[in-house]
Amino acid sequence: MIIAEVIEGETARLTIPLLEDGAAVNITGFTMSDLLITGSDGTAVTTTADFGVVSASAGTVYYDPDADDFSAAKSPYRVRVKMTDGDSKVRYYPNGASAQITVRAARS
């Protein structure tokens, strides 16, 4: 699932839907504990302090990328959201194939 298509250098907020069997997941009671983004070359993107929950009941989270987070050369990026419940149980979304962010060069 492609969740976003961006141009290198974009810093606009990306909204990420958390789905299970095609339906939005209610994440009320969960904490978004990590956002894992990895380029096609295996390089991890530092996402510290750049993510959070938009709507728990609608299962949407956000990511505010920094200008140098994405490179067309490392596209597509694989994305997983790590959620933790009150009992420290961990759940990843998506739990199948990774979601993707496609990045294009500004001049192409």
Protein backbone atom coordinates (compact mmCIF):
# COMPACT_ATOMS: atom_id res chain seq x y z
CA MET A 1 0.00 0.00 0.00
CA ILE A 2 1.43 3.37 -1.01
CA ILE A 3 0.55 5.89 1.71
CA ALA A 4 2.21 8.93 0.14
CA GLU A 5 4.03 10.20 -2.91
CA VAL A 6 6.33 13.14 -2.19
CA ILE A 7 9.08 15.23 -3.76
CA GLU A 8 12.53 15.42 -2.15
CA GLY A 9 12.64 18.24 0.39
CA GLU A 10 8.91 18.29 1.18
CA THR A 11 8.09 18.92 4.83
CA ALA A 12 4.28 18.85 4.70
CA ARG A 13 2.60 16.56 7.23
CA LEU A 14 1.89 13.02 6.03
CA THR A 15 -1.19 11.30 7.44
CA ILE A 16 -0.97 7.52 7.78
CA PRO A 17 -4.10 5.36 8.12
CA LEU A 18 -3.78 2.24 10.27
CA LEU A 19 -5.78 -0.53 8.67
CA GLU A 20 -6.59 -4.14 9.45
CA ASP A 21 -8.38 -6.17 6.77
CA GLY A 22 -8.96 -2.90 4.91
CA ALA A 23 -10.79 -1.20 7.79
CA ALA A 24 -9.54 1.57 10.08
CA VAL A 25 -8.28 0.36 13.46
CA ASN A 26 -9.44 2.11 16.63
CA ILE A 27 -6.20 2.75 18.55
CA THR A 28 -7.81 4.29 21.63
CA GLY A 29 -5.76 3.19 24.64
CA PHE A 30 -2.61 2.69 22.56
CA THR A 31 0.49 4.87 22.41
CA MET A 32 2.35 5.42 19.16
CA SER A 33 5.75 4.33 20.42
CA ASP A 34 7.73 4.44 17.17
CA LEU A 35 7.56 5.15 13.46
CA LEU A 36 9.92 2.95 11.47
CA ILE A 37 10.86 4.28 8.04
CA THR A 38 13.59 2.62 5.99
CA GLY A 39 14.93 3.49 2.55
CA SER A 40 15.33 0.88 -0.18
CA ASP A 41 19.05 0.74 0.69
CA GLY A 42 18.27 -0.20 4.32
CA THR A 43 19.05 3.24 5.77
CA ALA A 44 16.70 4.16 8.62
CA VAL A 45 15.11 7.61 8.72
CA THR A 46 15.32 9.37 12.10
CA THR A 47 11.72 10.12 13.09
CA THR A 48 12.23 11.14 16.73
CA ALA A 49 9.68 13.77 17.84
CA ASP A 50 8.21 13.96 14.31
CA PHE A 51 5.13 11.72 14.75
CA GLY A 52 1.93 11.35 16.73
CA VAL A 53 -1.75 10.44 16.65
CA VAL A 54 -4.26 12.47 14.60
CA SER A 55 -7.38 10.50 15.59
CA ALA A 56 -7.33 7.41 17.79
CA SER A 57 -10.89 6.39 16.93
CA ALA A 58 -10.22 6.73 13.18
CA GLY A 59 -6.83 5.01 13.43
CA THR A 60 -4.80 7.79 11.84
CA VAL A 61 -1.32 8.95 12.77
CA TYR A 62 0.99 11.57 11.30
CA TYR A 63 4.60 12.12 10.35
CA ASP A 64 6.20 15.55 9.90
CA PRO A 65 9.25 14.89 7.70
CA ASP A 66 12.38 17.00 7.86
CA ALA A 67 13.66 18.45 4.56
CA ASP A 68 16.48 15.90 4.31
CA ASP A 69 14.54 12.78 5.37
CA PHE A 70 13.77 11.49 1.88
CA SER A 71 15.86 10.92 -1.23
CA ALA A 72 14.56 9.74 -4.60
CA ALA A 73 17.63 7.50 -4.82
CA LYS A 74 16.44 5.53 -1.75
CA SER A 75 12.79 5.30 -2.82
CA PRO A 76 10.51 3.56 -2.09
CA TYR A 77 10.65 3.87 1.67
CA ARG A 78 9.10 1.14 3.83
CA VAL A 79 6.92 2.27 6.74
CA ARG A 80 5.66 0.58 9.92
CA VAL A 81 3.96 2.11 12.94
CA LYS A 82 4.67 0.61 16.36
CA MET A 83 1.79 0.87 18.83
CA THR A 84 1.95 -0.11 22.52
CA ASP A 85 -1.06 -0.72 24.77
CA GLY A 86 -1.37 -0.09 28.53
CA ASP A 87 0.01 -3.57 29.28
CA SER A 88 3.15 -2.90 27.16
CA LYS A 89 1.89 -5.24 24.43
CA VAL A 90 3.27 -4.24 21.01
CA ARG A 91 1.39 -4.19 17.71
CA TYR A 92 2.75 -3.10 14.32
CA TYR A 93 0.74 -1.60 11.45
CA PRO A 94 0.66 -2.77 8.84
CA ASN A 95 1.40 -6.26 10.10
CA GLY A 96 1.67 -7.66 6.56
CA ALA A 97 3.71 -6.07 3.80
CA SER A 98 5.15 -2.67 4.71
CA ALA A 99 3.38 0.50 3.67
CA GLN A 100 5.39 2.63 1.24
CA ILE A 101 6.30 6.24 0.59
CA THR A 102 7.39 6.96 -2.98
CA VAL A 103 9.85 9.85 -3.39
CA ARG A 104 10.57 11.67 -6.62
CA ALA A 105 13.32 14.13 -7.47
CA ALA A 106 12.30 17.77 -7.66
CA ARG A 107 13.62 17.92 -11.23
CA SER A 108 12.67 14.92 -13.29
